Amino acid sequence: QVQLVESGGGLVQPGGSLRLSCTASGTIDSGRDMGWSRQAPGKQRELVAIISATKLRYSESVKGRFTISRDYAKNIVYLQMNSLKSEDTAVYYCWTDLGRAYWGQGTQVTVSS
């Protein structure tokens, strides 16, 4: 069992930045995917970014604005979000795939003036 705890969400104006963090309770092998997904009200959950030792991928909607990074020693994954838009408003979830998916509880990001 692994637990994932997100932090760093909040309210930000359009064009602003936020950094999300997700700390895993156990050791996650560098070859295992960790990532971020988001779910806006009334919409399906959307994959945002994935990172592992051999993989780095972004959704088209965030490419060039968001950066995912990972501290493999501390089992933390980050999501730096720049040039935020109102359409980025969602609950952001951290996850990892250890043969089955584990999810964090989510953190709200609201982009509004």
PDB file of N, CA and C in Angstrom:
ATOM      1  N   GLN A   1       0.839  -1.186   0.000  1.00  0.00           N
ATOM      2  CA  GLN A   1       0.000   0.000   0.000  1.00  0.00           C
ATOM      3  C   GLN A   1       0.878   1.243   0.000  1.00  0.00           C
ATOM      4  N   VAL A   2       0.467   2.225  -0.746  1.00  0.00           N
ATOM      5  CA  VAL A   2       1.167   3.503  -0.748  1.00  0.00           C
ATOM      6  C   VAL A   2       0.118   4.594  -0.644  1.00  0.00           C
ATOM      7  N   GLN A   3       0.440   5.623   0.093  1.00  0.00           N
ATOM      8  CA  GLN A   3      -0.445   6.781   0.200  1.00  0.00           C
ATOM      9  C   GLN A   3       0.202   7.972  -0.475  1.00  0.00           C
ATOM     10  N   LEU A   4      -0.616   8.750  -1.163  1.00  0.00           N
ATOM     11  CA  LEU A   4      -0.148   9.938  -1.869  1.00  0.00           C
ATOM     12  C   LEU A   4      -0.861  11.154  -1.288  1.00  0.00           C
ATOM     13  N   VAL A   5      -0.101  12.167  -0.936  1.00  0.00           N
ATOM     14  CA  VAL A   5      -0.671  13.370  -0.344  1.00  0.00           C
ATOM     15  C   VAL A   5      -0.243  14.583  -1.164  1.00  0.00           C
ATOM     16  N   GLU A   6      -1.248  15.278  -1.723  1.00  0.00           N
ATOM     17  CA  GLU A   6      -0.976  16.458  -2.539  1.00  0.00           C
ATOM     18  C   GLU A   6      -1.041  17.720  -1.690  1.00  0.00           C
ATOM     19  N   SER A   7      -0.348  18.744  -2.150  1.00  0.00           N
ATOM     20  CA  SER A   7      -0.436  20.064  -1.530  1.00  0.00           C
ATOM     21  C   SER A   7      -0.102  21.110  -2.583  1.00  0.00           C
ATOM     22  N   GLY A   8      -0.441  22.366  -2.280  1.00  0.00           N
ATOM     23  CA  GLY A   8      -0.037  23.459  -3.151  1.00  0.00           C
ATOM     24  C   GLY A   8      -1.139  24.075  -3.981  1.00  0.00           C
ATOM     25  N   GLY A   9      -2.354  23.537  -3.912  1.00  0.00           N
ATOM     26  CA  GLY A   9      -3.435  24.137  -4.671  1.00  0.00           C
ATOM     27  C   GLY A   9      -3.877  25.455  -4.077  1.00  0.00           C
ATOM     28  N   GLY A  10      -4.785  26.118  -4.778  1.00  0.00           N
ATOM     29  CA  GLY A  10      -5.290  27.388  -4.279  1.00  0.00           C
ATOM     30  C   GLY A  10      -5.921  28.204  -5.369  1.00  0.00           C
ATOM     31  N   LEU A  11      -6.123  29.489  -5.053  1.00  0.00           N
ATOM     32  CA  LEU A  11      -6.725  30.439  -5.982  1.00  0.00           C
ATOM     33  C   LEU A  11      -5.620  31.302  -6.585  1.00  0.00           C
ATOM     34  N   VAL A  12      -5.634  31.435  -7.893  1.00  0.00           N
ATOM     35  CA  VAL A  12      -4.622  32.238  -8.572  1.00  0.00           C
ATOM     36  C   VAL A  12      -5.284  32.979  -9.728  1.00  0.00           C
ATOM     37  N   GLN A  13      -4.758  34.142 -10.054  1.00  0.00           N
ATOM     38  CA  GLN A  13      -5.292  34.914 -11.166  1.00  0.00           C
ATOM     39  C   GLN A  13      -4.804  34.348 -12.505  1.00  0.00           C
ATOM     40  N   PRO A  14      -5.551  34.573 -13.561  1.00  0.00           N
ATOM     41  CA  PRO A  14      -5.077  34.149 -14.887  1.00  0.00           C
ATOM     42  C   PRO A  14      -3.697  34.723 -15.180  1.00  0.00           C
ATOM     43  N   GLY A  15      -2.845  33.871 -15.742  1.00  0.00           N
ATOM     44  CA  GLY A  15      -1.467  34.258 -15.999  1.00  0.00           C
ATOM     45  C   GLY A  15      -0.514  33.960 -14.867  1.00  0.00           C
ATOM     46  N   GLY A  16      -1.054  33.598 -13.731  1.00  0.00           N
ATOM     47  CA  GLY A  16      -0.234  33.316 -12.561  1.00  0.00           C
ATOM     48  C   GLY A  16       0.329  31.913 -12.557  1.00  0.00           C
ATOM     49  N   SER A  17       1.018  31.584 -11.453  1.00  0.00           N
ATOM     50  CA  SER A  17       1.694  30.295 -11.322  1.00  0.00           C
ATOM     51  C   SER A  17       1.356  29.634  -9.986  1.00  0.00           C
ATOM     52  N   LEU A  18       1.417  28.332  -9.987  1.00  0.00           N
ATOM     53  CA  LEU A  18       1.299  27.528  -8.775  1.00  0.00           C
ATOM     54  C   LEU A  18       2.207  26.319  -8.922  1.00  0.00           C
ATOM     55  N   ARG A  19       2.658  25.795  -7.785  1.00  0.00           N
ATOM     56  CA  ARG A  19       3.399  24.547  -7.805  1.00  0.00           C
ATOM     57  C   ARG A  19       2.722  23.549  -6.883  1.00  0.00           C
ATOM     58  N   LEU A  20       2.355  22.417  -7.446  1.00  0.00           N
ATOM     59  CA  LEU A  20       1.767  21.333  -6.682  1.00  0.00           C
ATOM     60  C   LEU A  20       2.853  20.334  -6.292  1.00  0.00           C
ATOM     61  N   SER A  21       2.677  19.743  -5.114  1.00  0.00           N
ATOM     62  CA  SER A  21       3.583  18.700  -4.651  1.00  0.00           C
ATOM     63  C   SER A  21       2.776  17.473  -4.263  1.00  0.00           C
ATOM     64  N   CYS A  22       3.399  16.329  -4.412  1.00  0.00           N
ATOM     65  CA  CYS A  22       2.754  15.075  -4.027  1.00  0.00           C
ATOM     66  C   CYS A  22       3.819  14.184  -3.400  1.00  0.00           C
ATOM     67  N   THR A  23       3.593  13.823  -2.160  1.00  0.00           N
ATOM     68  CA  THR A  23       4.551  12.989  -1.433  1.00  0.00           C
ATOM     69  C   THR A  23       3.978  11.589  -1.253  1.00  0.00           C
ATOM     70  N   ALA A  24       4.783  10.602  -1.626  1.00  0.00           N
ATOM     71  CA  ALA A  24       4.378   9.204  -1.467  1.00  0.00           C
ATOM     72  C   ALA A  24       4.891   8.667  -0.134  1.00  0.00           C
ATOM     73  N   SER A  25       4.079   7.804   0.484  1.00  0.00           N
ATOM     74  CA  SER A  25       4.430   7.300   1.808  1.00  0.00           C
ATOM     75  C   SER A  25       5.511   6.233   1.760  1.00  0.00           C
ATOM     76  N   GLY A  26       5.685   5.599   0.594  1.00  0.00           N
ATOM     77  CA  GLY A  26       6.690   4.559   0.477  1.00  0.00           C
ATOM     78  C   GLY A  26       7.627   4.840  -0.677  1.00  0.00           C
ATOM     79  N   THR A  27       8.528   3.904  -0.898  1.00  0.00           N
ATOM     80  CA  THR A  27       9.484   4.049  -2.002  1.00  0.00           C
ATOM     81  C   THR A  27       8.854   3.614  -3.314  1.00  0.00           C
ATOM     82  N   ILE A  28       8.969   4.471  -4.298  1.00  0.00           N
ATOM     83  CA  ILE A  28       8.451   4.167  -5.623  1.00  0.00           C
ATOM     84  C   ILE A  28       9.629   4.081  -6.576  1.00  0.00           C
ATOM     85  N   ASP A  29       9.785   2.922  -7.178  1.00  0.00           N
ATOM     86  CA  ASP A  29      10.905   2.691  -8.086  1.00  0.00           C
ATOM     87  C   ASP A  29      10.909   3.727  -9.205  1.00  0.00           C
ATOM     88  N   SER A  30      12.087   4.145  -9.594  1.00  0.00           N
ATOM     89  CA  SER A  30      12.189   5.191 -10.618  1.00  0.00           C
ATOM     90  C   SER A  30      11.574   4.778 -11.948  1.00  0.00           C
ATOM     91  N   GLY A  31      11.465   3.497 -12.189  1.00  0.00           N
ATOM     92  CA  GLY A  31      10.876   3.015 -13.436  1.00  0.00           C
ATOM     93  C   GLY A  31       9.361   3.021 -13.439  1.00  0.00           C
ATOM     94  N   ARG A  32       8.778   3.255 -12.282  1.00  0.00           N
ATOM     95  CA  ARG A  32       7.330   3.322 -12.163  1.00  0.00           C
ATOM     96  C   ARG A  32       6.839   4.725 -12.490  1.00  0.00           C
ATOM     97  N   ASP A  33       5.720   4.772 -13.206  1.00  0.00           N
ATOM     98  CA  ASP A  33       5.141   6.073 -13.557  1.00  0.00           C
ATOM     99  C   ASP A  33       4.563   6.756 -12.323  1.00  0.00           C
ATOM    100  N   MET A  34       4.770   8.040 -12.273  1.00  0.00           N
ATOM    101  CA  MET A  34       4.005   8.924 -11.383  1.00  0.00           C
ATOM    102  C   MET A  34       3.457  10.044 -12.255  1.00  0.00           C
ATOM    103  N   GLY A  35       2.353  10.615 -11.852  1.00  0.00           N
ATOM    104  CA  GLY A  35       1.798  11.649 -12.698  1.00  0.00           C
ATOM    105  C   GLY A  35       0.722  12.465 -12.028  1.00  0.00           C
ATOM    106  N   TRP A  36       0.182  13.358 -12.828  1.00  0.00           N
ATOM    107  CA  TRP A  36      -0.909  14.231 -12.394  1.00  0.00           C
ATOM    108  C   TRP A  36      -2.056  14.137 -13.402  1.00  0.00           C
ATOM    109  N   SER A  37      -3.250  14.082 -12.865  1.00  0.00           N
ATOM    110  CA  SER A  37      -4.461  14.185 -13.667  1.00  0.00           C
ATOM    111  C   SER A  37      -5.329  15.265 -13.046  1.00  0.00           C
ATOM    112  N   ARG A  38      -6.335  15.694 -13.755  1.00  0.00           N
ATOM    113  CA  ARG A  38      -7.236  16.712 -13.213  1.00  0.00           C
ATOM    114  C   ARG A  38      -8.658  16.439 -13.655  1.00  0.00           C
ATOM    115  N   GLN A  39      -9.585  16.953 -12.864  1.00  0.00           N
ATOM    116  CA  GLN A  39     -11.002  16.811 -13.182  1.00  0.00           C
ATOM    117  C   GLN A  39     -11.721  18.114 -12.896  1.00  0.00           C
ATOM    118  N   ALA A  40     -12.251  18.691 -13.963  1.00  0.00           N
ATOM    119  CA  ALA A  40     -13.040  19.914 -13.838  1.00  0.00           C
ATOM    120  C   ALA A  40     -14.504  19.542 -13.614  1.00  0.00           C
ATOM    121  N   PRO A  41     -15.289  20.437 -13.040  1.00  0.00           N
ATOM    122  CA  PRO A  41     -16.702  20.139 -12.794  1.00  0.00           C
ATOM    123  C   PRO A  41     -17.433  19.744 -14.067  1.00  0.00           C
ATOM    124  N   GLY A  42     -18.133  18.628 -14.014  1.00  0.00           N
ATOM    125  CA  GLY A  42     -18.915  18.181 -15.156  1.00  0.00           C
ATOM    126  C   GLY A  42     -18.116  17.540 -16.266  1.00  0.00           C
ATOM    127  N   LYS A  43     -16.811  17.351 -16.046  1.00  0.00           N
ATOM    128  CA  LYS A  43     -15.955  16.776 -17.090  1.00  0.00           C
ATOM    129  C   LYS A  43     -15.294  15.501 -16.596  1.00  0.00           C
ATOM    130  N   GLN A  44     -14.806  14.715 -17.532  1.00  0.00           N
ATOM    131  CA  GLN A  44     -14.079  13.500 -17.183  1.00  0.00           C
ATOM    132  C   GLN A  44     -12.673  13.845 -16.700  1.00  0.00           C
ATOM    133  N   ARG A  45     -12.122  12.924 -15.906  1.00  0.00           N
ATOM    134  CA  ARG A  45     -10.754  13.117 -15.445  1.00  0.00           C
ATOM    135  C   ARG A  45      -9.811  13.078 -16.643  1.00  0.00           C
ATOM    136  N   GLU A  46      -8.850  14.006 -16.650  1.00  0.00           N
ATOM    137  CA  GLU A  46      -7.948  14.188 -17.782  1.00  0.00           C
ATOM    138  C   GLU A  46      -6.502  13.990 -17.332  1.00  0.00           C
ATOM    139  N   LEU A  47      -5.739  13.231 -18.090  1.00  0.00           N
ATOM    140  CA  LEU A  47      -4.323  13.077 -17.797  1.00  0.00           C
ATOM    141  C   LEU A  47      -3.588  14.366 -18.123  1.00  0.00           C
ATOM    142  N   VAL A  48      -2.725  14.823 -17.219  1.00  0.00           N
ATOM    143  CA  VAL A  48      -1.993  16.078 -17.415  1.00  0.00           C
ATOM    144  C   VAL A  48      -0.533  15.797 -17.767  1.00  0.00           C
ATOM    145  N   ALA A  49       0.128  14.982 -16.950  1.00  0.00           N
ATOM    146  CA  ALA A  49       1.553  14.738 -17.180  1.00  0.00           C
ATOM    147  C   ALA A  49       1.975  13.441 -16.498  1.00  0.00           C
ATOM    148  N   ILE A  50       3.016  12.805 -17.066  1.00  0.00           N
ATOM    149  CA  ILE A  50       3.566  11.548 -16.550  1.00  0.00           C
ATOM    150  C   ILE A  50       5.069  11.666 -16.500  1.00  0.00           C
ATOM    151  N   ILE A  51       5.670  11.071 -15.467  1.00  0.00           N
ATOM    152  CA  ILE A  51       7.127  11.049 -15.398  1.00  0.00           C
ATOM    153  C   ILE A  51       7.602   9.730 -14.803  1.00  0.00           C
ATOM    154  N   SER A  52       8.680   9.234 -15.391  1.00  0.00           N
ATOM    155  CA  SER A  52       9.416   8.113 -14.811  1.00  0.00           C
ATOM    156  C   SER A  52      10.854   8.278 -15.284  1.00  0.00           C
ATOM    157  N   ALA A  53      11.698   7.321 -14.972  1.00  0.00           N
ATOM    158  CA  ALA A  53      13.099   7.417 -15.384  1.00  0.00           C
ATOM    159  C   ALA A  53      13.239   7.395 -16.908  1.00  0.00           C
ATOM    160  N   THR A  54      12.235   6.841 -17.593  1.00  0.00           N
ATOM    161  CA  THR A  54      12.331   6.698 -19.045  1.00  0.00           C
ATOM    162  C   THR A  54      11.187   7.376 -19.785  1.00  0.00           C
ATOM    163  N   LYS A  55      10.407   8.174 -19.085  1.00  0.00           N
ATOM    164  CA  LYS A  55       9.201   8.713 -19.706  1.00  0.00           C
ATOM    165  C   LYS A  55       8.946  10.128 -19.209  1.00  0.00           C
ATOM    166  N   LEU A  56       8.509  10.983 -20.126  1.00  0.00           N
ATOM    167  CA  LEU A  56       8.100  12.343 -19.787  1.00  0.00           C
ATOM    168  C   LEU A  56       7.070  12.763 -20.823  1.00  0.00           C
ATOM    169  N   ARG A  57       5.842  12.918 -20.398  1.00  0.00           N
ATOM    170  CA  ARG A  57       4.772  13.232 -21.333  1.00  0.00           C
ATOM    171  C   ARG A  57       3.833  14.265 -20.745  1.00  0.00           C
ATOM    172  N   TYR A  58       3.271  15.066 -21.626  1.00  0.00           N
ATOM    173  CA  TYR A  58       2.300  16.090 -21.253  1.00  0.00           C
ATOM    174  C   TYR A  58       1.090  16.030 -22.172  1.00  0.00           C
ATOM    175  N   SER A  59      -0.039  16.436 -21.646  1.00  0.00           N
ATOM    176  CA  SER A  59      -1.193  16.610 -22.509  1.00  0.00           C
ATOM    177  C   SER A  59      -0.969  17.843 -23.367  1.00  0.00           C
ATOM    178  N   GLU A  60      -1.593  17.887 -24.512  1.00  0.00           N
ATOM    179  CA  GLU A  60      -1.428  19.026 -25.406  1.00  0.00           C
ATOM    180  C   GLU A  60      -1.918  20.321 -24.770  1.00  0.00           C
ATOM    181  N   SER A  61      -2.893  20.208 -23.914  1.00  0.00           N
ATOM    182  CA  SER A  61      -3.500  21.401 -23.319  1.00  0.00           C
ATOM    183  C   SER A  61      -2.562  22.116 -22.336  1.00  0.00           C
ATOM    184  N   VAL A  62      -1.529  21.425 -21.837  1.00  0.00           N
ATOM    185  CA  VAL A  62      -0.638  22.041 -20.856  1.00  0.00           C
ATOM    186  C   VAL A  62       0.808  22.125 -21.338  1.00  0.00           C
ATOM    187  N   LYS A  63       1.096  21.533 -22.469  1.00  0.00           N
ATOM    188  CA  LYS A  63       2.465  21.501 -22.974  1.00  0.00           C
ATOM    189  C   LYS A  63       2.998  22.920 -23.152  1.00  0.00           C
ATOM    190  N   GLY A  64       4.198  23.155 -22.647  1.00  0.00           N
ATOM    191  CA  GLY A  64       4.803  24.477 -22.731  1.00  0.00           C
ATOM    192  C   GLY A  64       4.467  25.390 -21.568  1.00  0.00           C
ATOM    193  N   ARG A  65       3.474  25.015 -20.768  1.00  0.00           N
ATOM    194  CA  ARG A  65       3.095  25.833 -19.610  1.00  0.00           C
ATOM    195  C   ARG A  65       3.346  25.117 -18.285  1.00  0.00           C
ATOM    196  N   PHE A  66       3.179  23.810 -18.280  1.00  0.00           N
ATOM    197  CA  PHE A  66       3.350  23.009 -17.062  1.00  0.00           C
ATOM    198  C   PHE A  66       4.629  22.201 -17.164  1.00  0.00           C
ATOM    199  N   THR A  67       5.266  21.984 -16.015  1.00  0.00           N
ATOM    200  CA  THR A  67       6.460  21.148 -15.946  1.00  0.00           C
ATOM    201  C   THR A  67       6.324  20.162 -14.806  1.00  0.00           C
ATOM    202  N   ILE A  68       6.461  18.893 -15.122  1.00  0.00           N
ATOM    203  CA  ILE A  68       6.449  17.866 -14.092  1.00  0.00           C
ATOM    204  C   ILE A  68       7.891  17.510 -13.752  1.00  0.00           C
ATOM    205  N   SER A  69       8.148  17.298 -12.470  1.00  0.00           N
ATOM    206  CA  SER A  69       9.478  16.887 -12.037  1.00  0.00           C
ATOM    207  C   SER A  69       9.321  15.931 -10.860  1.00  0.00           C
ATOM    208  N   ARG A  70      10.437  15.301 -10.520  1.00  0.00           N
ATOM    209  CA  ARG A  70      10.333  14.250  -9.506  1.00  0.00           C
ATOM    210  C   ARG A  70      11.629  14.176  -8.721  1.00  0.00           C
ATOM    211  N   ASP A  71      11.486  14.077  -7.424  1.00  0.00           N
ATOM    212  CA  ASP A  71      12.622  13.833  -6.536  1.00  0.00           C
ATOM    213  C   ASP A  71      12.587  12.346  -6.203  1.00  0.00           C
ATOM    214  N   TYR A  72      13.432  11.574  -6.862  1.00  0.00           N
ATOM    215  CA  TYR A  72      13.382  10.124  -6.719  1.00  0.00           C
ATOM    216  C   TYR A  72      13.843   9.678  -5.336  1.00  0.00           C
ATOM    217  N   ALA A  73      14.696  10.424  -4.725  1.00  0.00           N
ATOM    218  CA  ALA A  73      15.186  10.056  -3.393  1.00  0.00           C
ATOM    219  C   ALA A  73      14.125  10.265  -2.317  1.00  0.00           C
ATOM    220  N   LYS A  74      13.311  11.309  -2.496  1.00  0.00           N
ATOM    221  CA  LYS A  74      12.300  11.655  -1.487  1.00  0.00           C
ATOM    222  C   LYS A  74      10.899  11.174  -1.877  1.00  0.00           C
ATOM    223  N   ASN A  75      10.771  10.578  -3.051  1.00  0.00           N
ATOM    224  CA  ASN A  75       9.464  10.077  -3.509  1.00  0.00           C
ATOM    225  C   ASN A  75       8.428  11.197  -3.585  1.00  0.00           C
ATOM    226  N   ILE A  76       8.827  12.307  -4.173  1.00  0.00           N
ATOM    227  CA  ILE A  76       7.946  13.457  -4.346  1.00  0.00           C
ATOM    228  C   ILE A  76       7.865  13.769  -5.839  1.00  0.00           C
ATOM    229  N   VAL A  77       6.674  14.081  -6.294  1.00  0.00           N
ATOM    230  CA  VAL A  77       6.489  14.550  -7.664  1.00  0.00           C
ATOM    231  C   VAL A  77       5.876  15.939  -7.608  1.00  0.00           C
ATOM    232  N   TYR A  78       6.342  16.798  -8.483  1.00  0.00           N
ATOM    233  CA  TYR A  78       5.896  18.190  -8.518  1.00  0.00           C
ATOM    234  C   TYR A  78       5.214  18.498  -9.849  1.00  0.00           C
ATOM    235  N   LEU A  79       4.374  19.501  -9.820  1.00  0.00           N
ATOM    236  CA  LEU A  79       3.807  20.038 -11.047  1.00  0.00           C
ATOM    237  C   LEU A  79       3.883  21.545 -10.965  1.00  0.00           C
ATOM    238  N   GLN A  80       4.798  22.119 -11.732  1.00  0.00           N
ATOM    239  CA  GLN A  80       4.914  23.574 -11.827  1.00  0.00           C
ATOM    240  C   GLN A  80       3.977  24.041 -12.923  1.00  0.00           C
ATOM    241  N   MET A  81       3.059  24.919 -12.565  1.00  0.00           N
ATOM    242  CA  MET A  81       2.050  25.381 -13.506  1.00  0.00           C
ATOM    243  C   MET A  81       2.221  26.879 -13.713  1.00  0.00           C
ATOM    244  N   ASN A  82       2.543  27.260 -14.930  1.00  0.00           N
ATOM    245  CA  ASN A  82       2.726  28.665 -15.289  1.00  0.00           C
ATOM    246  C   ASN A  82       1.693  29.088 -16.316  1.00  0.00           C
ATOM    247  N   SER A  83       1.546  30.384 -16.476  1.00  0.00           N
ATOM    248  CA  SER A  83       0.591  30.930 -17.460  1.00  0.00           C
ATOM    249  C   SER A  83      -0.776  30.282 -17.325  1.00  0.00           C
ATOM    250  N   LEU A  84      -1.256  30.235 -16.099  1.00  0.00           N
ATOM    251  CA  LEU A  84      -2.513  29.533 -15.834  1.00  0.00           C
ATOM    252  C   LEU A  84      -3.693  30.239 -16.492  1.00  0.00           C
ATOM    253  N   LYS A  85      -4.633  29.422 -16.928  1.00  0.00           N
ATOM    254  CA  LYS A  85      -5.838  29.902 -17.596  1.00  0.00           C
ATOM    255  C   LYS A  85      -7.054  29.456 -16.800  1.00  0.00           C
ATOM    256  N   SER A  86      -8.181  30.098 -17.046  1.00  0.00           N
ATOM    257  CA  SER A  86      -9.400  29.724 -16.337  1.00  0.00           C
ATOM    258  C   SER A  86      -9.765  28.263 -16.592  1.00  0.00           C
ATOM    259  N   GLU A  87      -9.446  27.785 -17.779  1.00  0.00           N
ATOM    260  CA  GLU A  87      -9.773  26.388 -18.104  1.00  0.00           C
ATOM    261  C   GLU A  87      -8.880  25.378 -17.397  1.00  0.00           C
ATOM    262  N   ASP A  88      -7.867  25.838 -16.680  1.00  0.00           N
ATOM    263  CA  ASP A  88      -7.052  24.949 -15.853  1.00  0.00           C
ATOM    264  C   ASP A  88      -7.707  24.687 -14.496  1.00  0.00           C
ATOM    265  N   THR A  89      -8.793  25.379 -14.204  1.00  0.00           N
ATOM    266  CA  THR A  89      -9.497  25.176 -12.943  1.00  0.00           C
ATOM    267  C   THR A  89     -10.003  23.747 -12.851  1.00  0.00           C
ATOM    268  N   ALA A  90      -9.612  23.063 -11.783  1.00  0.00           N
ATOM    269  CA  ALA A  90      -9.961  21.646 -11.618  1.00  0.00           C
ATOM    270  C   ALA A  90      -9.437  21.161 -10.278  1.00  0.00           C
ATOM    271  N   VAL A  91      -9.851  19.963  -9.917  1.00  0.00           N
ATOM    272  CA  VAL A  91      -9.189  19.248  -8.827  1.00  0.00           C
ATOM    273  C   VAL A  91      -8.059  18.439  -9.455  1.00  0.00           C
ATOM    274  N   TYR A  92      -6.874  18.626  -8.919  1.00  0.00           N
ATOM    275  CA  TYR A  92      -5.681  17.952  -9.449  1.00  0.00           C
ATOM    276  C   TYR A  92      -5.331  16.772  -8.550  1.00  0.00           C
ATOM    277  N   TYR A  93      -5.127  15.623  -9.192  1.00  0.00           N
ATOM    278  CA  TYR A  93      -4.837  14.379  -8.481  1.00  0.00           C
ATOM    279  C   TYR A  93      -3.453  13.871  -8.864  1.00  0.00           C
ATOM    280  N   CYS A  94      -2.724  13.465  -7.870  1.00  0.00           N
ATOM    281  CA  CYS A  94      -1.468  12.773  -8.066  1.00  0.00           C
ATOM    282  C   CYS A  94      -1.760  11.280  -8.131  1.00  0.00           C
ATOM    283  N   TRP A  95      -0.979  10.553  -8.898  1.00  0.00           N
ATOM    284  CA  TRP A  95      -1.177   9.102  -8.973  1.00  0.00           C
ATOM    285  C   TRP A  95       0.141   8.407  -9.260  1.00  0.00           C
ATOM    286  N   THR A  96       0.139   7.089  -8.994  1.00  0.00           N
ATOM    287  CA  THR A  96       1.249   6.255  -9.394  1.00  0.00           C
ATOM    288  C   THR A  96       0.717   4.890  -9.790  1.00  0.00           C
ATOM    289  N   ASP A  97       1.435   4.231 -10.661  1.00  0.00           N
ATOM    290  CA  ASP A  97       1.029   2.927 -11.173  1.00  0.00           C
ATOM    291  C   ASP A  97       2.030   1.894 -10.681  1.00  0.00           C
ATOM    292  N   LEU A  98       1.562   1.078  -9.722  1.00  0.00           N
ATOM    293  CA  LEU A  98       2.410   0.024  -9.170  1.00  0.00           C
ATOM    294  C   LEU A  98       1.813  -1.337  -9.506  1.00  0.00           C
ATOM    295  N   GLY A  99       1.331  -1.444 -10.726  1.00  0.00           N
ATOM    296  CA  GLY A  99       0.592  -2.643 -11.107  1.00  0.00           C
ATOM    297  C   GLY A  99      -0.892  -2.408 -10.948  1.00  0.00           C
ATOM    298  N   ARG A 100      -1.236  -1.541 -10.052  1.00  0.00           N
ATOM    299  CA  ARG A 100      -2.576  -0.970  -9.927  1.00  0.00           C
ATOM    300  C   ARG A 100      -2.365   0.501  -9.612  1.00  0.00           C
ATOM    301  N   ALA A 101      -3.371   1.275  -9.866  1.00  0.00           N
ATOM    302  CA  ALA A 101      -3.238   2.715  -9.675  1.00  0.00           C
ATOM    303  C   ALA A 101      -3.538   3.105  -8.236  1.00  0.00           C
ATOM    304  N   TYR A 102      -2.726   4.019  -7.749  1.00  0.00           N
ATOM    305  CA  TYR A 102      -2.973   4.648  -6.453  1.00  0.00           C
ATOM    306  C   TYR A 102      -3.171   6.140  -6.699  1.00  0.00           C
ATOM    307  N   TRP A 103      -4.140   6.717  -5.992  1.00  0.00           N
ATOM    308  CA  TRP A 103      -4.493   8.115  -6.193  1.00  0.00           C
ATOM    309  C   TRP A 103      -4.400   8.889  -4.879  1.00  0.00           C
ATOM    310  N   GLY A 104      -4.048  10.151  -5.001  1.00  0.00           N
ATOM    311  CA  GLY A 104      -4.140  11.043  -3.862  1.00  0.00           C
ATOM    312  C   GLY A 104      -5.568  11.537  -3.702  1.00  0.00           C
ATOM    313  N   GLN A 105      -5.776  12.366  -2.685  1.00  0.00           N
ATOM    314  CA  GLN A 105      -7.121  12.846  -2.378  1.00  0.00           C
ATOM    315  C   GLN A 105      -7.515  14.035  -3.249  1.00  0.00           C
ATOM    316  N   GLY A 106      -6.562  14.643  -3.906  1.00  0.00           N
ATOM    317  CA  GLY A 106      -6.840  15.772  -4.788  1.00  0.00           C
ATOM    318  C   GLY A 106      -6.628  17.112  -4.109  1.00  0.00           C
ATOM    319  N   THR A 107      -6.270  18.093  -4.909  1.00  0.00           N
ATOM    320  CA  THR A 107      -6.111  19.464  -4.425  1.00  0.00           C
ATOM    321  C   THR A 107      -6.753  20.411  -5.441  1.00  0.00           C
ATOM    322  N   GLN A 108      -7.521  21.353  -4.942  1.00  0.00           N
ATOM    323  CA  GLN A 108      -8.276  22.255  -5.813  1.00  0.00           C
ATOM    324  C   GLN A 108      -7.372  23.366  -6.337  1.00  0.00           C
ATOM    325  N   VAL A 109      -7.448  23.576  -7.638  1.00  0.00           N
ATOM    326  CA  VAL A 109      -6.790  24.717  -8.277  1.00  0.00           C
ATOM    327  C   VAL A 109      -7.881  25.537  -8.953  1.00  0.00           C
ATOM    328  N   THR A 110      -7.963  26.807  -8.573  1.00  0.00           N
ATOM    329  CA  THR A 110      -8.950  27.697  -9.149  1.00  0.00           C
ATOM    330  C   THR A 110      -8.241  28.893  -9.780  1.00  0.00           C
ATOM    331  N   VAL A 111      -8.486  29.099 -11.058  1.00  0.00           N
ATOM    332  CA  VAL A 111      -7.876  30.222 -11.785  1.00  0.00           C
ATOM    333  C   VAL A 111      -8.986  31.209 -12.102  1.00  0.00           C
ATOM    334  N   SER A 112      -8.945  32.344 -11.444  1.00  0.00           N
ATOM    335  CA  SER A 112     -10.015  33.319 -11.588  1.00  0.00           C
ATOM    336  C   SER A 112      -9.524  34.690 -11.172  1.00  0.00           C
ATOM    337  N   SER A 113     -10.075  35.712 -11.817  1.00  0.00           N
ATOM    338  CA  SER A 113      -9.740  37.084 -11.439  1.00  0.00           C
ATOM    339  C   SER A 113     -10.748  37.608 -10.424  1.00  0.00           C
TER     340      SER A 113
END
